[in-house]
Amino acid sequence: MLKRLVLIIALVWIAQPAQARSADARIRDFCSALTGRDITSIYTRSALQPFFTSENDLSKFIVQMNVQMDHAGFHRFTVERCTVAGITVSGTTTQGTLKITGEGPLFFLKSRLRLSTEWSNTDSGWYIDVPQVISPGD
């Protein structure tokens, strides 16, 4: 009986809509969704989609993340560890700072990246604001 109750509570918590979750909880959920994932994998795309308002925003984020991981010296584009370094709330926007660790250029070295994400509160919840990337043709 207790196991059933715990399962029901867990399912209700997971099924909460984005607007019911606080900015802090959404940022922590995003960090958990990143942990242990290859940022270029199709499975990662499906895990991260709920944190973006459109597929286009998710694609922009993945491209920007790949570039940042490359500059930080990540050997593979896999996030081994993600922790929340800080959260700053101001009205309808929030800034989350994440510390990301992954495999470095040598197997015994770790690469580190500090990622800052901007979040906006919409009618349907908290979502990541992806900075616009200027295309070479613009």
C-alpha atoms as a PDB file:
ATOM      1  CA  MET A   1       0.000   0.000   0.000  1.00  0.00           C
ATOM      2  CA  LEU A   2       2.811   2.414   0.909  1.00  0.00           C
ATOM      3  CA  LYS A   3       4.628   1.629  -2.351  1.00  0.00           C
ATOM      4  CA  ARG A   4       1.480   2.465  -4.308  1.00  0.00           C
ATOM      5  CA  LEU A   5       1.076   5.763  -2.466  1.00  0.00           C
ATOM      6  CA  VAL A   6       4.712   6.724  -3.128  1.00  0.00           C
ATOM      7  CA  LEU A   7       4.306   5.812  -6.814  1.00  0.00           C
ATOM      8  CA  ILE A   8       1.147   7.917  -7.127  1.00  0.00           C
ATOM      9  CA  ILE A   9       2.818  10.900  -5.445  1.00  0.00           C
ATOM     10  CA  ALA A  10       5.851  10.564  -7.732  1.00  0.00           C
ATOM     11  CA  LEU A  11       3.661  10.384 -10.851  1.00  0.00           C
ATOM     12  CA  VAL A  12       1.661  13.438  -9.794  1.00  0.00           C
ATOM     13  CA  TRP A  13       4.873  15.396  -9.123  1.00  0.00           C
ATOM     14  CA  ILE A  14       6.374  14.441 -12.505  1.00  0.00           C
ATOM     15  CA  ALA A  15       3.141  15.258 -14.329  1.00  0.00           C
ATOM     16  CA  GLN A  16       2.943  18.784 -12.921  1.00  0.00           C
ATOM     17  CA  PRO A  17       2.609  21.310 -15.740  1.00  0.00           C
ATOM     18  CA  ALA A  18       5.483  23.709 -16.323  1.00  0.00           C
ATOM     19  CA  GLN A  19       3.546  26.667 -14.924  1.00  0.00           C
ATOM     20  CA  ALA A  20       3.055  24.893 -11.590  1.00  0.00           C
ATOM     21  CA  ARG A  21       6.808  24.428 -11.122  1.00  0.00           C
ATOM     22  CA  SER A  22       8.910  27.274  -9.757  1.00  0.00           C
ATOM     23  CA  ALA A  23      11.862  28.713 -11.685  1.00  0.00           C
ATOM     24  CA  ASP A  24      14.222  27.102  -9.194  1.00  0.00           C
ATOM     25  CA  ALA A  25      12.643  23.675  -9.712  1.00  0.00           C
ATOM     26  CA  ARG A  26      12.641  24.032 -13.513  1.00  0.00           C
ATOM     27  CA  ILE A  27      16.363  24.961 -13.556  1.00  0.00           C
ATOM     28  CA  ARG A  28      17.201  22.003 -11.323  1.00  0.00           C
ATOM     29  CA  ASP A  29      15.099  19.712 -13.541  1.00  0.00           C
ATOM     30  CA  PHE A  30      16.967  21.026 -16.602  1.00  0.00           C
ATOM     31  CA  CYS A  31      20.308  20.321 -14.930  1.00  0.00           C
ATOM     32  CA  SER A  32      19.139  16.783 -14.125  1.00  0.00           C
ATOM     33  CA  ALA A  33      17.992  16.302 -17.726  1.00  0.00           C
ATOM     34  CA  LEU A  34      21.477  17.307 -18.972  1.00  0.00           C
ATOM     35  CA  THR A  35      23.428  15.030 -16.622  1.00  0.00           C
ATOM     36  CA  GLY A  36      24.831  11.914 -18.267  1.00  0.00           C
ATOM     37  CA  ARG A  37      23.729  12.900 -21.764  1.00  0.00           C
ATOM     38  CA  ASP A  38      25.499  13.414 -25.057  1.00  0.00           C
ATOM     39  CA  ILE A  39      24.314  16.867 -26.120  1.00  0.00           C
ATOM     40  CA  THR A  40      24.282  15.795 -29.792  1.00  0.00           C
ATOM     41  CA  SER A  41      22.062  12.736 -29.241  1.00  0.00           C
ATOM     42  CA  ILE A  42      18.463  12.551 -30.487  1.00  0.00           C
ATOM     43  CA  TYR A  43      17.492  11.204 -27.048  1.00  0.00           C
ATOM     44  CA  THR A  44      18.868  14.331 -25.433  1.00  0.00           C
ATOM     45  CA  ARG A  45      16.728  16.463 -27.743  1.00  0.00           C
ATOM     46  CA  SER A  46      13.565  14.734 -26.557  1.00  0.00           C
ATOM     47  CA  ALA A  47      14.631  15.060 -22.891  1.00  0.00           C
ATOM     48  CA  LEU A  48      15.376  18.800 -23.244  1.00  0.00           C
ATOM     49  CA  GLN A  49      12.388  19.778 -25.438  1.00  0.00           C
ATOM     50  CA  PRO A  50      10.056  20.531 -22.469  1.00  0.00           C
ATOM     51  CA  PHE A  51      12.395  23.362 -21.412  1.00  0.00           C
ATOM     52  CA  PHE A  52      12.091  25.277 -24.705  1.00  0.00           C
ATOM     53  CA  THR A  53       9.147  26.989 -26.373  1.00  0.00           C
ATOM     54  CA  SER A  54      10.024  25.688 -29.842  1.00  0.00           C
ATOM     55  CA  GLU A  55      12.116  23.106 -31.663  1.00  0.00           C
ATOM     56  CA  ASN A  56      14.029  25.993 -33.259  1.00  0.00           C
ATOM     57  CA  ASP A  57      15.066  27.355 -29.833  1.00  0.00           C
ATOM     58  CA  LEU A  58      16.230  23.883 -28.786  1.00  0.00           C
ATOM     59  CA  SER A  59      18.312  23.559 -31.965  1.00  0.00           C
ATOM     60  CA  LYS A  60      19.938  26.963 -31.364  1.00  0.00           C
ATOM     61  CA  PHE A  61      20.728  25.997 -27.780  1.00  0.00           C
ATOM     62  CA  ILE A  62      22.345  22.705 -28.823  1.00  0.00           C
ATOM     63  CA  VAL A  63      24.519  24.454 -31.415  1.00  0.00           C
ATOM     64  CA  GLN A  64      25.611  27.088 -28.897  1.00  0.00           C
ATOM     65  CA  MET A  65      26.265  24.411 -26.271  1.00  0.00           C
ATOM     66  CA  ASN A  66      28.416  22.412 -28.732  1.00  0.00           C
ATOM     67  CA  VAL A  67      30.519  25.487 -29.495  1.00  0.00           C
ATOM     68  CA  GLN A  68      30.980  26.304 -25.802  1.00  0.00           C
ATOM     69  CA  MET A  69      31.905  22.709 -24.964  1.00  0.00           C
ATOM     70  CA  ASP A  70      34.401  22.652 -27.834  1.00  0.00           C
ATOM     71  CA  HIS A  71      36.036  25.889 -26.626  1.00  0.00           C
ATOM     72  CA  ALA A  72      36.165  24.502 -23.068  1.00  0.00           C
ATOM     73  CA  GLY A  73      38.116  21.477 -24.292  1.00  0.00           C
ATOM     74  CA  PHE A  74      35.500  18.740 -23.950  1.00  0.00           C
ATOM     75  CA  HIS A  75      36.701  15.542 -25.669  1.00  0.00           C
ATOM     76  CA  ARG A  76      33.140  14.314 -26.157  1.00  0.00           C
ATOM     77  CA  PHE A  77      29.960  16.351 -25.999  1.00  0.00           C
ATOM     78  CA  THR A  78      28.727  14.403 -22.971  1.00  0.00           C
ATOM     79  CA  VAL A  79      27.724  16.129 -19.742  1.00  0.00           C
ATOM     80  CA  GLU A  80      29.049  13.909 -16.971  1.00  0.00           C
ATOM     81  CA  ARG A  81      27.907  16.205 -14.190  1.00  0.00           C
ATOM     82  CA  CYS A  82      25.726  19.291 -13.961  1.00  0.00           C
ATOM     83  CA  THR A  83      25.171  21.312 -10.804  1.00  0.00           C
ATOM     84  CA  VAL A  84      23.328  24.556 -10.178  1.00  0.00           C
ATOM     85  CA  ALA A  85      25.841  27.241  -9.184  1.00  0.00           C
ATOM     86  CA  GLY A  86      23.333  30.038  -8.714  1.00  0.00           C
ATOM     87  CA  ILE A  87      19.861  31.343  -9.445  1.00  0.00           C
ATOM     88  CA  THR A  88      18.912  35.018  -9.662  1.00  0.00           C
ATOM     89  CA  VAL A  89      15.210  35.903  -9.917  1.00  0.00           C
ATOM     90  CA  SER A  90      13.998  39.322 -11.043  1.00  0.00           C
ATOM     91  CA  GLY A  91      10.299  39.580 -11.855  1.00  0.00           C
ATOM     92  CA  THR A  92       9.331  37.485 -14.864  1.00  0.00           C
ATOM     93  CA  THR A  93      12.920  36.571 -15.743  1.00  0.00           C
ATOM     94  CA  THR A  94      15.446  34.376 -14.013  1.00  0.00           C
ATOM     95  CA  GLN A  95      19.109  33.659 -14.617  1.00  0.00           C
ATOM     96  CA  GLY A  96      20.464  30.234 -13.805  1.00  0.00           C
ATOM     97  CA  THR A  97      24.174  29.456 -13.696  1.00  0.00           C
ATOM     98  CA  LEU A  98      25.156  25.818 -14.199  1.00  0.00           C
ATOM     99  CA  LYS A  99      28.521  24.142 -13.702  1.00  0.00           C
ATOM    100  CA  ILE A 100      29.051  21.400 -16.274  1.00  0.00           C
ATOM    101  CA  THR A 101      31.822  18.808 -16.156  1.00  0.00           C
ATOM    102  CA  GLY A 102      32.829  16.325 -18.835  1.00  0.00           C
ATOM    103  CA  GLU A 103      35.710  14.321 -20.264  1.00  0.00           C
ATOM    104  CA  GLY A 104      38.719  16.466 -21.097  1.00  0.00           C
ATOM    105  CA  PRO A 105      41.349  16.166 -23.832  1.00  0.00           C
ATOM    106  CA  LEU A 106      43.108  13.404 -21.866  1.00  0.00           C
ATOM    107  CA  PHE A 107      41.211  10.613 -20.125  1.00  0.00           C
ATOM    108  CA  PHE A 108      42.410  11.689 -16.677  1.00  0.00           C
ATOM    109  CA  LEU A 109      41.500  15.377 -17.138  1.00  0.00           C
ATOM    110  CA  LYS A 110      38.061  16.904 -16.732  1.00  0.00           C
ATOM    111  CA  SER A 111      36.802  19.856 -18.741  1.00  0.00           C
ATOM    112  CA  ARG A 112      34.591  22.388 -17.031  1.00  0.00           C
ATOM    113  CA  LEU A 113      32.096  24.879 -18.345  1.00  0.00           C
ATOM    114  CA  ARG A 114      30.068  27.547 -16.587  1.00  0.00           C
ATOM    115  CA  LEU A 115      26.792  27.964 -18.465  1.00  0.00           C
ATOM    116  CA  SER A 116      24.476  30.898 -17.885  1.00  0.00           C
ATOM    117  CA  THR A 117      20.856  30.465 -18.964  1.00  0.00           C
ATOM    118  CA  GLU A 118      18.118  33.077 -19.112  1.00  0.00           C
ATOM    119  CA  TRP A 119      14.583  31.912 -18.297  1.00  0.00           C
ATOM    120  CA  SER A 120      11.260  33.669 -18.913  1.00  0.00           C
ATOM    121  CA  ASN A 121       7.955  33.067 -17.219  1.00  0.00           C
ATOM    122  CA  THR A 122       5.196  32.714 -19.802  1.00  0.00           C
ATOM    123  CA  ASP A 123       1.540  31.802 -19.317  1.00  0.00           C
ATOM    124  CA  SER A 124       2.493  28.151 -19.660  1.00  0.00           C
ATOM    125  CA  GLY A 125       5.534  28.193 -17.337  1.00  0.00           C
ATOM    126  CA  TRP A 126       9.288  28.842 -17.192  1.00  0.00           C
ATOM    127  CA  TYR A 127      11.269  28.351 -20.420  1.00  0.00           C
ATOM    128  CA  ILE A 128      14.822  29.023 -21.572  1.00  0.00           C
ATOM    129  CA  ASP A 129      15.388  32.182 -23.623  1.00  0.00           C
ATOM    130  CA  VAL A 130      17.978  31.328 -26.243  1.00  0.00           C
ATOM    131  CA  PRO A 131      20.084  34.280 -27.450  1.00  0.00           C
ATOM    132  CA  GLN A 132      19.635  34.959 -31.140  1.00  0.00           C
ATOM    133  CA  VAL A 133      22.402  33.707 -33.361  1.00  0.00           C
ATOM    134  CA  ILE A 134      23.212  36.026 -36.246  1.00  0.00           C
ATOM    135  CA  SER A 135      23.547  34.093 -39.462  1.00  0.00           C
ATOM    136  CA  PRO A 136      26.371  35.001 -41.887  1.00  0.00           C
ATOM    137  CA  GLY A 137      23.824  36.247 -44.438  1.00  0.00           C
ATOM    138  CA  ASP A 138      22.378  38.922 -42.096  1.00  0.00           C
END
